[in-house]
Structure formats: C-alpha cells, structure tokens
Amino acid sequence: MKLLLAGIVLISIIGTEAQWYKFPIEAVQGSYDMGRAYRDMRKANCINSDKYYHARGNADAAKRGNGGVWAAEVISDAREWVQGNSGRGAEDTEADQEANRWGRGGGDPNRYRVNCVPDDH
C-alpha cells in the first residue's frame, strides 16, 4: 500500500511540477524573441520607438513561459546596465526598464507605440 501511495505521489509530482526540461527551450526561444525585437527596432529606424520594442520583446519572450521570462529579464537588465554605464541618463534607463517590466507582465506593447512603428507584428 505504501508503495502504491508513493507511486501515485511520484506520478503526480512528475505530471504537474516537473516541467523543468522546458525551461532551457523557453529561454532560447525568449532570447530569439528579444533579438527579433531589437532587429525590428533597428530596421524601423523610428525615433522614440525603443520603449515599444522593449515592451514587445519582453512580452513575446514571456509568452514562452518561465524560461522566456528569465531570458527577457537577463537580457534587458544586461542591456540597461551596459547603457547606463556608458553615460546614458538614469531616467531613460528607468523608463526602458518600466517598458521591459510592462511587457514581461503581460501588458500590451502598443501602449508605447508611436506613429512611425510599422504594423508588421
């Protein structure tokens, strides 16, 4: 009886909690989403559109799951750290981080859309 109970508990844990194997795949996919948003931003060459692309990249990555959220956070924090230490203003860095958090939290990136951003996404 104890063995049966242990088996049921083990199957229950594996079936619900052991999604750990998806994390690395989600992280890679989330990294790709962040890179795609950056490439799209460069291609659009649209003044004041960076907040939209920050939010969009983070939102797309977060939709992948926990691994995507992790990748978006690491990439966003690293990018802002580099730019913050290169003499860029703290206010702009914080505004970028707010857009990052908005996107990761499931917010609509269109909140930051400006007129020159193409409707291709």
N, C-alpha and C. Protein backbone atom coordinates (compact mmCIF):
# COMPACT_ATOMS: atom_id res chain seq x y z
N MET A 1 0.82 -1.19 0.00
CA MET A 1 0.00 0.00 0.00
C MET A 1 0.87 1.26 0.00
N LYS A 2 1.95 1.25 0.80
CA LYS A 2 2.85 2.39 0.84
C LYS A 2 3.51 2.61 -0.52
N LEU A 3 3.86 1.52 -1.18
CA LEU A 3 4.49 1.62 -2.49
C LEU A 3 3.51 2.21 -3.51
N LEU A 4 2.26 1.81 -3.44
CA LEU A 4 1.25 2.36 -4.34
C LEU A 4 1.05 3.85 -4.09
N LEU A 5 0.98 4.24 -2.82
CA LEU A 5 0.83 5.65 -2.47
C LEU A 5 2.05 6.45 -2.94
N ALA A 6 3.25 5.93 -2.75
CA ALA A 6 4.46 6.60 -3.20
C ALA A 6 4.47 6.75 -4.71
N GLY A 7 4.01 5.73 -5.42
CA GLY A 7 3.93 5.79 -6.87
C GLY A 7 2.96 6.85 -7.35
N ILE A 8 1.82 6.95 -6.70
CA ILE A 8 0.82 7.95 -7.06
C ILE A 8 1.37 9.36 -6.82
N VAL A 9 2.02 9.54 -5.69
CA VAL A 9 2.63 10.85 -5.38
C VAL A 9 3.71 11.19 -6.41
N LEU A 10 4.55 10.25 -6.75
CA LEU A 10 5.62 10.47 -7.71
C LEU A 10 5.06 10.84 -9.09
N ILE A 11 4.06 10.10 -9.54
CA ILE A 11 3.43 10.40 -10.83
C ILE A 11 2.78 11.78 -10.80
N SER A 12 2.16 12.11 -9.69
CA SER A 12 1.53 13.42 -9.55
C SER A 12 2.57 14.54 -9.64
N ILE A 13 3.68 14.36 -8.97
CA ILE A 13 4.74 15.37 -9.00
C ILE A 13 5.32 15.50 -10.40
N ILE A 14 5.60 14.41 -11.03
CA ILE A 14 6.18 14.43 -12.37
C ILE A 14 5.20 15.07 -13.36
N GLY A 15 3.96 14.75 -13.23
CA GLY A 15 2.96 15.27 -14.17
C GLY A 15 2.68 16.75 -14.04
N THR A 16 2.82 17.31 -12.84
CA THR A 16 2.44 18.70 -12.64
C THR A 16 3.62 19.64 -12.45
N GLU A 17 4.64 19.20 -11.75
CA GLU A 17 5.73 20.10 -11.37
C GLU A 17 7.00 19.94 -12.18
N ALA A 18 7.20 18.81 -12.78
CA ALA A 18 8.47 18.54 -13.42
C ALA A 18 8.50 19.03 -14.85
N GLN A 19 8.25 20.31 -15.02
CA GLN A 19 8.33 20.92 -16.34
C GLN A 19 9.70 21.57 -16.53
N TRP A 20 10.65 21.22 -15.69
CA TRP A 20 11.99 21.82 -15.72
C TRP A 20 12.67 21.66 -17.07
N TYR A 21 12.38 20.60 -17.78
CA TYR A 21 13.04 20.35 -19.06
C TYR A 21 12.63 21.35 -20.13
N LYS A 22 11.52 22.06 -19.93
CA LYS A 22 11.07 23.06 -20.88
C LYS A 22 11.81 24.39 -20.72
N PHE A 23 12.34 24.64 -19.54
CA PHE A 23 12.96 25.92 -19.22
C PHE A 23 14.05 26.32 -20.21
N PRO A 24 15.04 25.46 -20.51
CA PRO A 24 16.09 25.87 -21.44
C PRO A 24 15.56 26.17 -22.85
N ILE A 25 14.58 25.42 -23.30
CA ILE A 25 14.00 25.66 -24.62
C ILE A 25 13.29 27.00 -24.64
N GLU A 26 12.51 27.27 -23.59
CA GLU A 26 11.82 28.55 -23.49
C GLU A 26 12.81 29.71 -23.43
N ALA A 27 13.92 29.50 -22.72
CA ALA A 27 14.94 30.55 -22.61
C ALA A 27 15.55 30.86 -23.97
N VAL A 28 15.85 29.85 -24.74
CA VAL A 28 16.41 30.06 -26.09
C VAL A 28 15.38 30.77 -26.97
N GLN A 29 14.14 30.31 -26.92
CA GLN A 29 13.09 30.95 -27.72
C GLN A 29 12.87 32.40 -27.29
N GLY A 30 12.90 32.65 -25.99
CA GLY A 30 12.75 34.02 -25.48
C GLY A 30 13.91 34.91 -25.91
N SER A 31 15.11 34.35 -25.94
CA SER A 31 16.27 35.11 -26.41
C SER A 31 16.08 35.49 -27.88
N TYR A 32 15.57 34.56 -28.65
CA TYR A 32 15.29 34.84 -30.06
C TYR A 32 14.26 35.96 -30.18
N ASP A 33 13.21 35.93 -29.36
CA ASP A 33 12.19 36.98 -29.39
C ASP A 33 12.80 38.34 -29.08
N MET A 34 13.69 38.38 -28.11
CA MET A 34 14.36 39.64 -27.76
C MET A 34 15.22 40.13 -28.93
N GLY A 35 15.94 39.23 -29.55
CA GLY A 35 16.78 39.59 -30.69
C GLY A 35 15.95 40.07 -31.87
N ARG A 36 14.82 39.42 -32.11
CA ARG A 36 13.94 39.82 -33.20
C ARG A 36 13.39 41.23 -32.98
N ALA A 37 13.01 41.54 -31.74
CA ALA A 37 12.50 42.88 -31.44
C ALA A 37 13.60 43.92 -31.67
N TYR A 38 14.83 43.58 -31.29
CA TYR A 38 15.95 44.51 -31.49
C TYR A 38 16.20 44.72 -32.99
N ARG A 39 16.19 43.64 -33.77
CA ARG A 39 16.40 43.77 -35.22
C ARG A 39 15.28 44.60 -35.86
N ASP A 40 14.04 44.36 -35.42
CA ASP A 40 12.92 45.12 -35.96
C ASP A 40 13.04 46.60 -35.61
N MET A 41 13.52 46.89 -34.41
CA MET A 41 13.70 48.28 -34.00
C MET A 41 14.75 48.96 -34.88
N ARG A 42 15.84 48.27 -35.12
CA ARG A 42 16.90 48.84 -35.97
C ARG A 42 16.39 49.03 -37.40
N LYS A 43 15.62 48.07 -37.89
CA LYS A 43 15.09 48.15 -39.25
C LYS A 43 14.09 49.30 -39.39
N ALA A 44 13.24 49.49 -38.37
CA ALA A 44 12.23 50.55 -38.42
C ALA A 44 12.87 51.93 -38.38
N ASN A 45 13.99 52.05 -37.67
CA ASN A 45 14.71 53.33 -37.58
C ASN A 45 13.75 54.48 -37.26
N CYS A 46 12.97 54.27 -36.23
CA CYS A 46 11.88 55.17 -35.85
C CYS A 46 12.22 55.85 -34.52
N ILE A 47 12.26 57.17 -34.53
CA ILE A 47 12.63 57.93 -33.33
C ILE A 47 11.59 57.70 -32.23
N ASN A 48 12.09 57.52 -31.01
CA ASN A 48 11.26 57.33 -29.80
C ASN A 48 10.45 56.04 -29.80
N SER A 49 10.87 55.05 -30.57
CA SER A 49 10.13 53.78 -30.61
C SER A 49 10.74 52.72 -29.71
N ASP A 50 11.86 53.02 -29.05
CA ASP A 50 12.56 51.97 -28.31
C ASP A 50 11.73 51.37 -27.19
N LYS A 51 10.89 52.16 -26.54
CA LYS A 51 10.06 51.62 -25.45
C LYS A 51 9.09 50.56 -25.99
N TYR A 52 8.53 50.82 -27.17
CA TYR A 52 7.63 49.84 -27.78
C TYR A 52 8.37 48.52 -28.02
N TYR A 53 9.56 48.58 -28.58
CA TYR A 53 10.30 47.37 -28.89
C TYR A 53 10.80 46.67 -27.62
N HIS A 54 11.10 47.45 -26.58
CA HIS A 54 11.44 46.83 -25.29
C HIS A 54 10.24 46.03 -24.78
N ALA A 55 9.08 46.67 -24.76
CA ALA A 55 7.88 46.01 -24.25
C ALA A 55 7.51 44.81 -25.12
N ARG A 56 7.62 44.96 -26.44
CA ARG A 56 7.24 43.86 -27.34
C ARG A 56 8.17 42.66 -27.19
N GLY A 57 9.46 42.89 -27.14
CA GLY A 57 10.40 41.79 -26.98
C GLY A 57 10.19 41.04 -25.68
N ASN A 58 9.98 41.79 -24.60
CA ASN A 58 9.74 41.16 -23.30
C ASN A 58 8.41 40.42 -23.28
N ALA A 59 7.38 40.99 -23.91
CA ALA A 59 6.06 40.34 -23.93
C ALA A 59 6.13 39.04 -24.73
N ASP A 60 6.78 39.08 -25.89
CA ASP A 60 6.90 37.87 -26.71
C ASP A 60 7.67 36.79 -25.98
N ALA A 61 8.76 37.18 -25.34
CA ALA A 61 9.58 36.21 -24.61
C ALA A 61 8.81 35.62 -23.43
N ALA A 62 8.07 36.46 -22.70
CA ALA A 62 7.32 35.99 -21.53
C ALA A 62 6.24 35.00 -21.90
N LYS A 63 5.69 35.12 -23.12
CA LYS A 63 4.66 34.19 -23.57
C LYS A 63 5.21 32.78 -23.73
N ARG A 64 6.52 32.64 -23.80
CA ARG A 64 7.15 31.32 -23.94
C ARG A 64 7.08 30.51 -22.66
N GLY A 65 7.00 31.20 -21.51
CA GLY A 65 6.98 30.51 -20.23
C GLY A 65 8.07 31.06 -19.32
N ASN A 66 8.33 30.34 -18.23
CA ASN A 66 9.30 30.81 -17.24
C ASN A 66 10.69 31.02 -17.82
N GLY A 67 11.11 30.16 -18.72
CA GLY A 67 12.42 30.32 -19.35
C GLY A 67 12.49 31.58 -20.18
N GLY A 68 11.41 31.91 -20.87
CA GLY A 68 11.36 33.14 -21.66
C GLY A 68 11.38 34.38 -20.78
N VAL A 69 10.67 34.32 -19.66
CA VAL A 69 10.68 35.44 -18.71
C VAL A 69 12.10 35.65 -18.20
N TRP A 70 12.75 34.55 -17.83
CA TRP A 70 14.12 34.63 -17.32
C TRP A 70 15.05 35.24 -18.37
N ALA A 71 14.98 34.77 -19.60
CA ALA A 71 15.85 35.28 -20.66
C ALA A 71 15.59 36.77 -20.89
N ALA A 72 14.34 37.16 -20.94
CA ALA A 72 14.00 38.57 -21.16
C ALA A 72 14.55 39.44 -20.04
N GLU A 73 14.44 38.97 -18.81
CA GLU A 73 14.93 39.75 -17.68
C GLU A 73 16.45 39.89 -17.72
N VAL A 74 17.14 38.79 -17.99
CA VAL A 74 18.60 38.82 -18.03
C VAL A 74 19.08 39.73 -19.16
N ILE A 75 18.50 39.58 -20.34
CA ILE A 75 18.91 40.39 -21.49
C ILE A 75 18.59 41.86 -21.25
N SER A 76 17.40 42.15 -20.76
CA SER A 76 17.01 43.54 -20.51
C SER A 76 17.90 44.19 -19.46
N ASP A 77 18.14 43.48 -18.37
CA ASP A 77 18.99 44.04 -17.31
C ASP A 77 20.42 44.26 -17.79
N ALA A 78 20.95 43.32 -18.56
CA ALA A 78 22.32 43.47 -19.06
C ALA A 78 22.40 44.66 -20.02
N ARG A 79 21.44 44.78 -20.89
CA ARG A 79 21.45 45.89 -21.86
C ARG A 79 21.36 47.23 -21.14
N GLU A 80 20.49 47.34 -20.17
CA GLU A 80 20.35 48.59 -19.44
C GLU A 80 21.57 48.88 -18.58
N TRP A 81 22.20 47.85 -18.05
CA TRP A 81 23.42 48.05 -17.27
C TRP A 81 24.52 48.61 -18.15
N VAL A 82 24.69 48.02 -19.34
CA VAL A 82 25.72 48.50 -20.27
C VAL A 82 25.42 49.94 -20.68
N GLN A 83 24.19 50.22 -21.06
CA GLN A 83 23.85 51.56 -21.50
C GLN A 83 23.90 52.57 -20.35
N GLY A 84 23.54 52.13 -19.16
CA GLY A 84 23.59 53.02 -18.01
C GLY A 84 25.01 53.39 -17.63
N ASN A 85 25.93 52.48 -17.85
CA ASN A 85 27.33 52.75 -17.53
C ASN A 85 28.06 53.44 -18.68
N SER A 86 27.39 53.70 -19.77
CA SER A 86 28.04 54.37 -20.89
C SER A 86 27.67 55.85 -20.94
N GLY A 87 27.12 56.36 -19.85
CA GLY A 87 26.82 57.78 -19.77
C GLY A 87 25.40 58.15 -20.13
N ARG A 88 24.58 57.18 -20.41
CA ARG A 88 23.18 57.44 -20.72
C ARG A 88 22.43 57.80 -19.44
N GLY A 89 21.42 58.61 -19.55
CA GLY A 89 20.71 59.10 -18.38
C GLY A 89 19.97 58.03 -17.60
N ALA A 90 19.95 58.18 -16.29
CA ALA A 90 19.27 57.22 -15.42
C ALA A 90 17.76 57.24 -15.66
N GLU A 91 17.21 58.38 -16.02
CA GLU A 91 15.77 58.47 -16.27
C GLU A 91 15.37 57.64 -17.48
N ASP A 92 16.17 57.70 -18.54
CA ASP A 92 15.87 56.92 -19.73
C ASP A 92 16.02 55.43 -19.45
N THR A 93 17.04 55.07 -18.68
CA THR A 93 17.24 53.67 -18.31
C THR A 93 16.05 53.16 -17.51
N GLU A 94 15.56 53.95 -16.57
CA GLU A 94 14.41 53.53 -15.76
C GLU A 94 13.15 53.44 -16.63
N ALA A 95 12.99 54.34 -17.57
CA ALA A 95 11.83 54.28 -18.47
C ALA A 95 11.89 53.02 -19.33
N ASP A 96 13.08 52.65 -19.79
CA ASP A 96 13.24 51.41 -20.54
C ASP A 96 12.89 50.21 -19.68
N GLN A 97 13.36 50.22 -18.44
CA GLN A 97 13.07 49.10 -17.54
C GLN A 97 11.58 49.00 -17.24
N GLU A 98 10.91 50.14 -17.15
CA GLU A 98 9.46 50.11 -16.91
C GLU A 98 8.76 49.45 -18.10
N ALA A 99 9.20 49.78 -19.32
CA ALA A 99 8.63 49.16 -20.51
C ALA A 99 8.95 47.66 -20.53
N ASN A 100 10.16 47.29 -20.09
CA ASN A 100 10.53 45.87 -20.00
C ASN A 100 9.59 45.13 -19.05
N ARG A 101 9.40 45.70 -17.86
CA ARG A 101 8.53 45.06 -16.87
C ARG A 101 7.08 44.99 -17.36
N TRP A 102 6.63 46.05 -18.05
CA TRP A 102 5.27 46.08 -18.59
C TRP A 102 5.07 44.91 -19.56
N GLY A 103 6.01 44.72 -20.47
CA GLY A 103 5.90 43.63 -21.43
C GLY A 103 5.97 42.27 -20.77
N ARG A 104 6.92 42.08 -19.85
CA ARG A 104 7.06 40.78 -19.16
C ARG A 104 5.83 40.46 -18.33
N GLY A 105 5.17 41.50 -17.84
CA GLY A 105 3.99 41.31 -17.00
C GLY A 105 2.71 41.06 -17.80
N GLY A 106 2.82 41.00 -19.12
CA GLY A 106 1.66 40.72 -19.94
C GLY A 106 0.97 41.97 -20.48
N GLY A 107 1.57 43.14 -20.27
CA GLY A 107 0.98 44.37 -20.78
C GLY A 107 1.08 44.47 -22.30
N ASP A 108 0.18 45.21 -22.88
CA ASP A 108 0.14 45.41 -24.34
C ASP A 108 1.24 46.38 -24.75
N PRO A 109 2.18 45.94 -25.61
CA PRO A 109 3.26 46.83 -26.05
C PRO A 109 2.75 48.07 -26.80
N ASN A 110 1.55 48.01 -27.34
CA ASN A 110 1.01 49.15 -28.08
C ASN A 110 0.84 50.39 -27.21
N ARG A 111 0.93 50.21 -25.92
CA ARG A 111 0.93 51.36 -25.01
C ARG A 111 2.06 52.32 -25.37
N TYR A 112 3.15 51.79 -25.90
CA TYR A 112 4.33 52.58 -26.23
C TYR A 112 4.48 52.84 -27.74
N ARG A 113 3.53 52.41 -28.52
CA ARG A 113 3.63 52.57 -29.99
C ARG A 113 3.61 54.04 -30.37
N VAL A 114 4.48 54.38 -31.31
CA VAL A 114 4.48 55.73 -31.91
C VAL A 114 4.11 55.58 -33.38
N ASN A 115 3.75 56.67 -34.02
CA ASN A 115 3.20 56.62 -35.38
C ASN A 115 4.11 55.97 -36.40
N CYS A 116 5.39 56.09 -36.25
CA CYS A 116 6.29 55.58 -37.29
C CYS A 116 6.60 54.08 -37.15
N VAL A 117 6.06 53.42 -36.13
CA VAL A 117 6.28 51.97 -35.96
C VAL A 117 5.39 51.23 -36.95
N PRO A 118 5.99 50.39 -37.81
CA PRO A 118 5.19 49.65 -38.78
C PRO A 118 4.26 48.62 -38.11
N ASP A 119 3.19 48.28 -38.78
CA ASP A 119 2.21 47.32 -38.26
C ASP A 119 2.53 45.89 -38.67
N ASP A 120 3.80 45.52 -38.72
CA ASP A 120 4.17 44.19 -39.22
C ASP A 120 4.22 43.13 -38.13
N HIS A 121 3.89 43.43 -36.91
CA HIS A 121 3.97 42.40 -35.85
C HIS A 121 2.62 42.16 -35.25
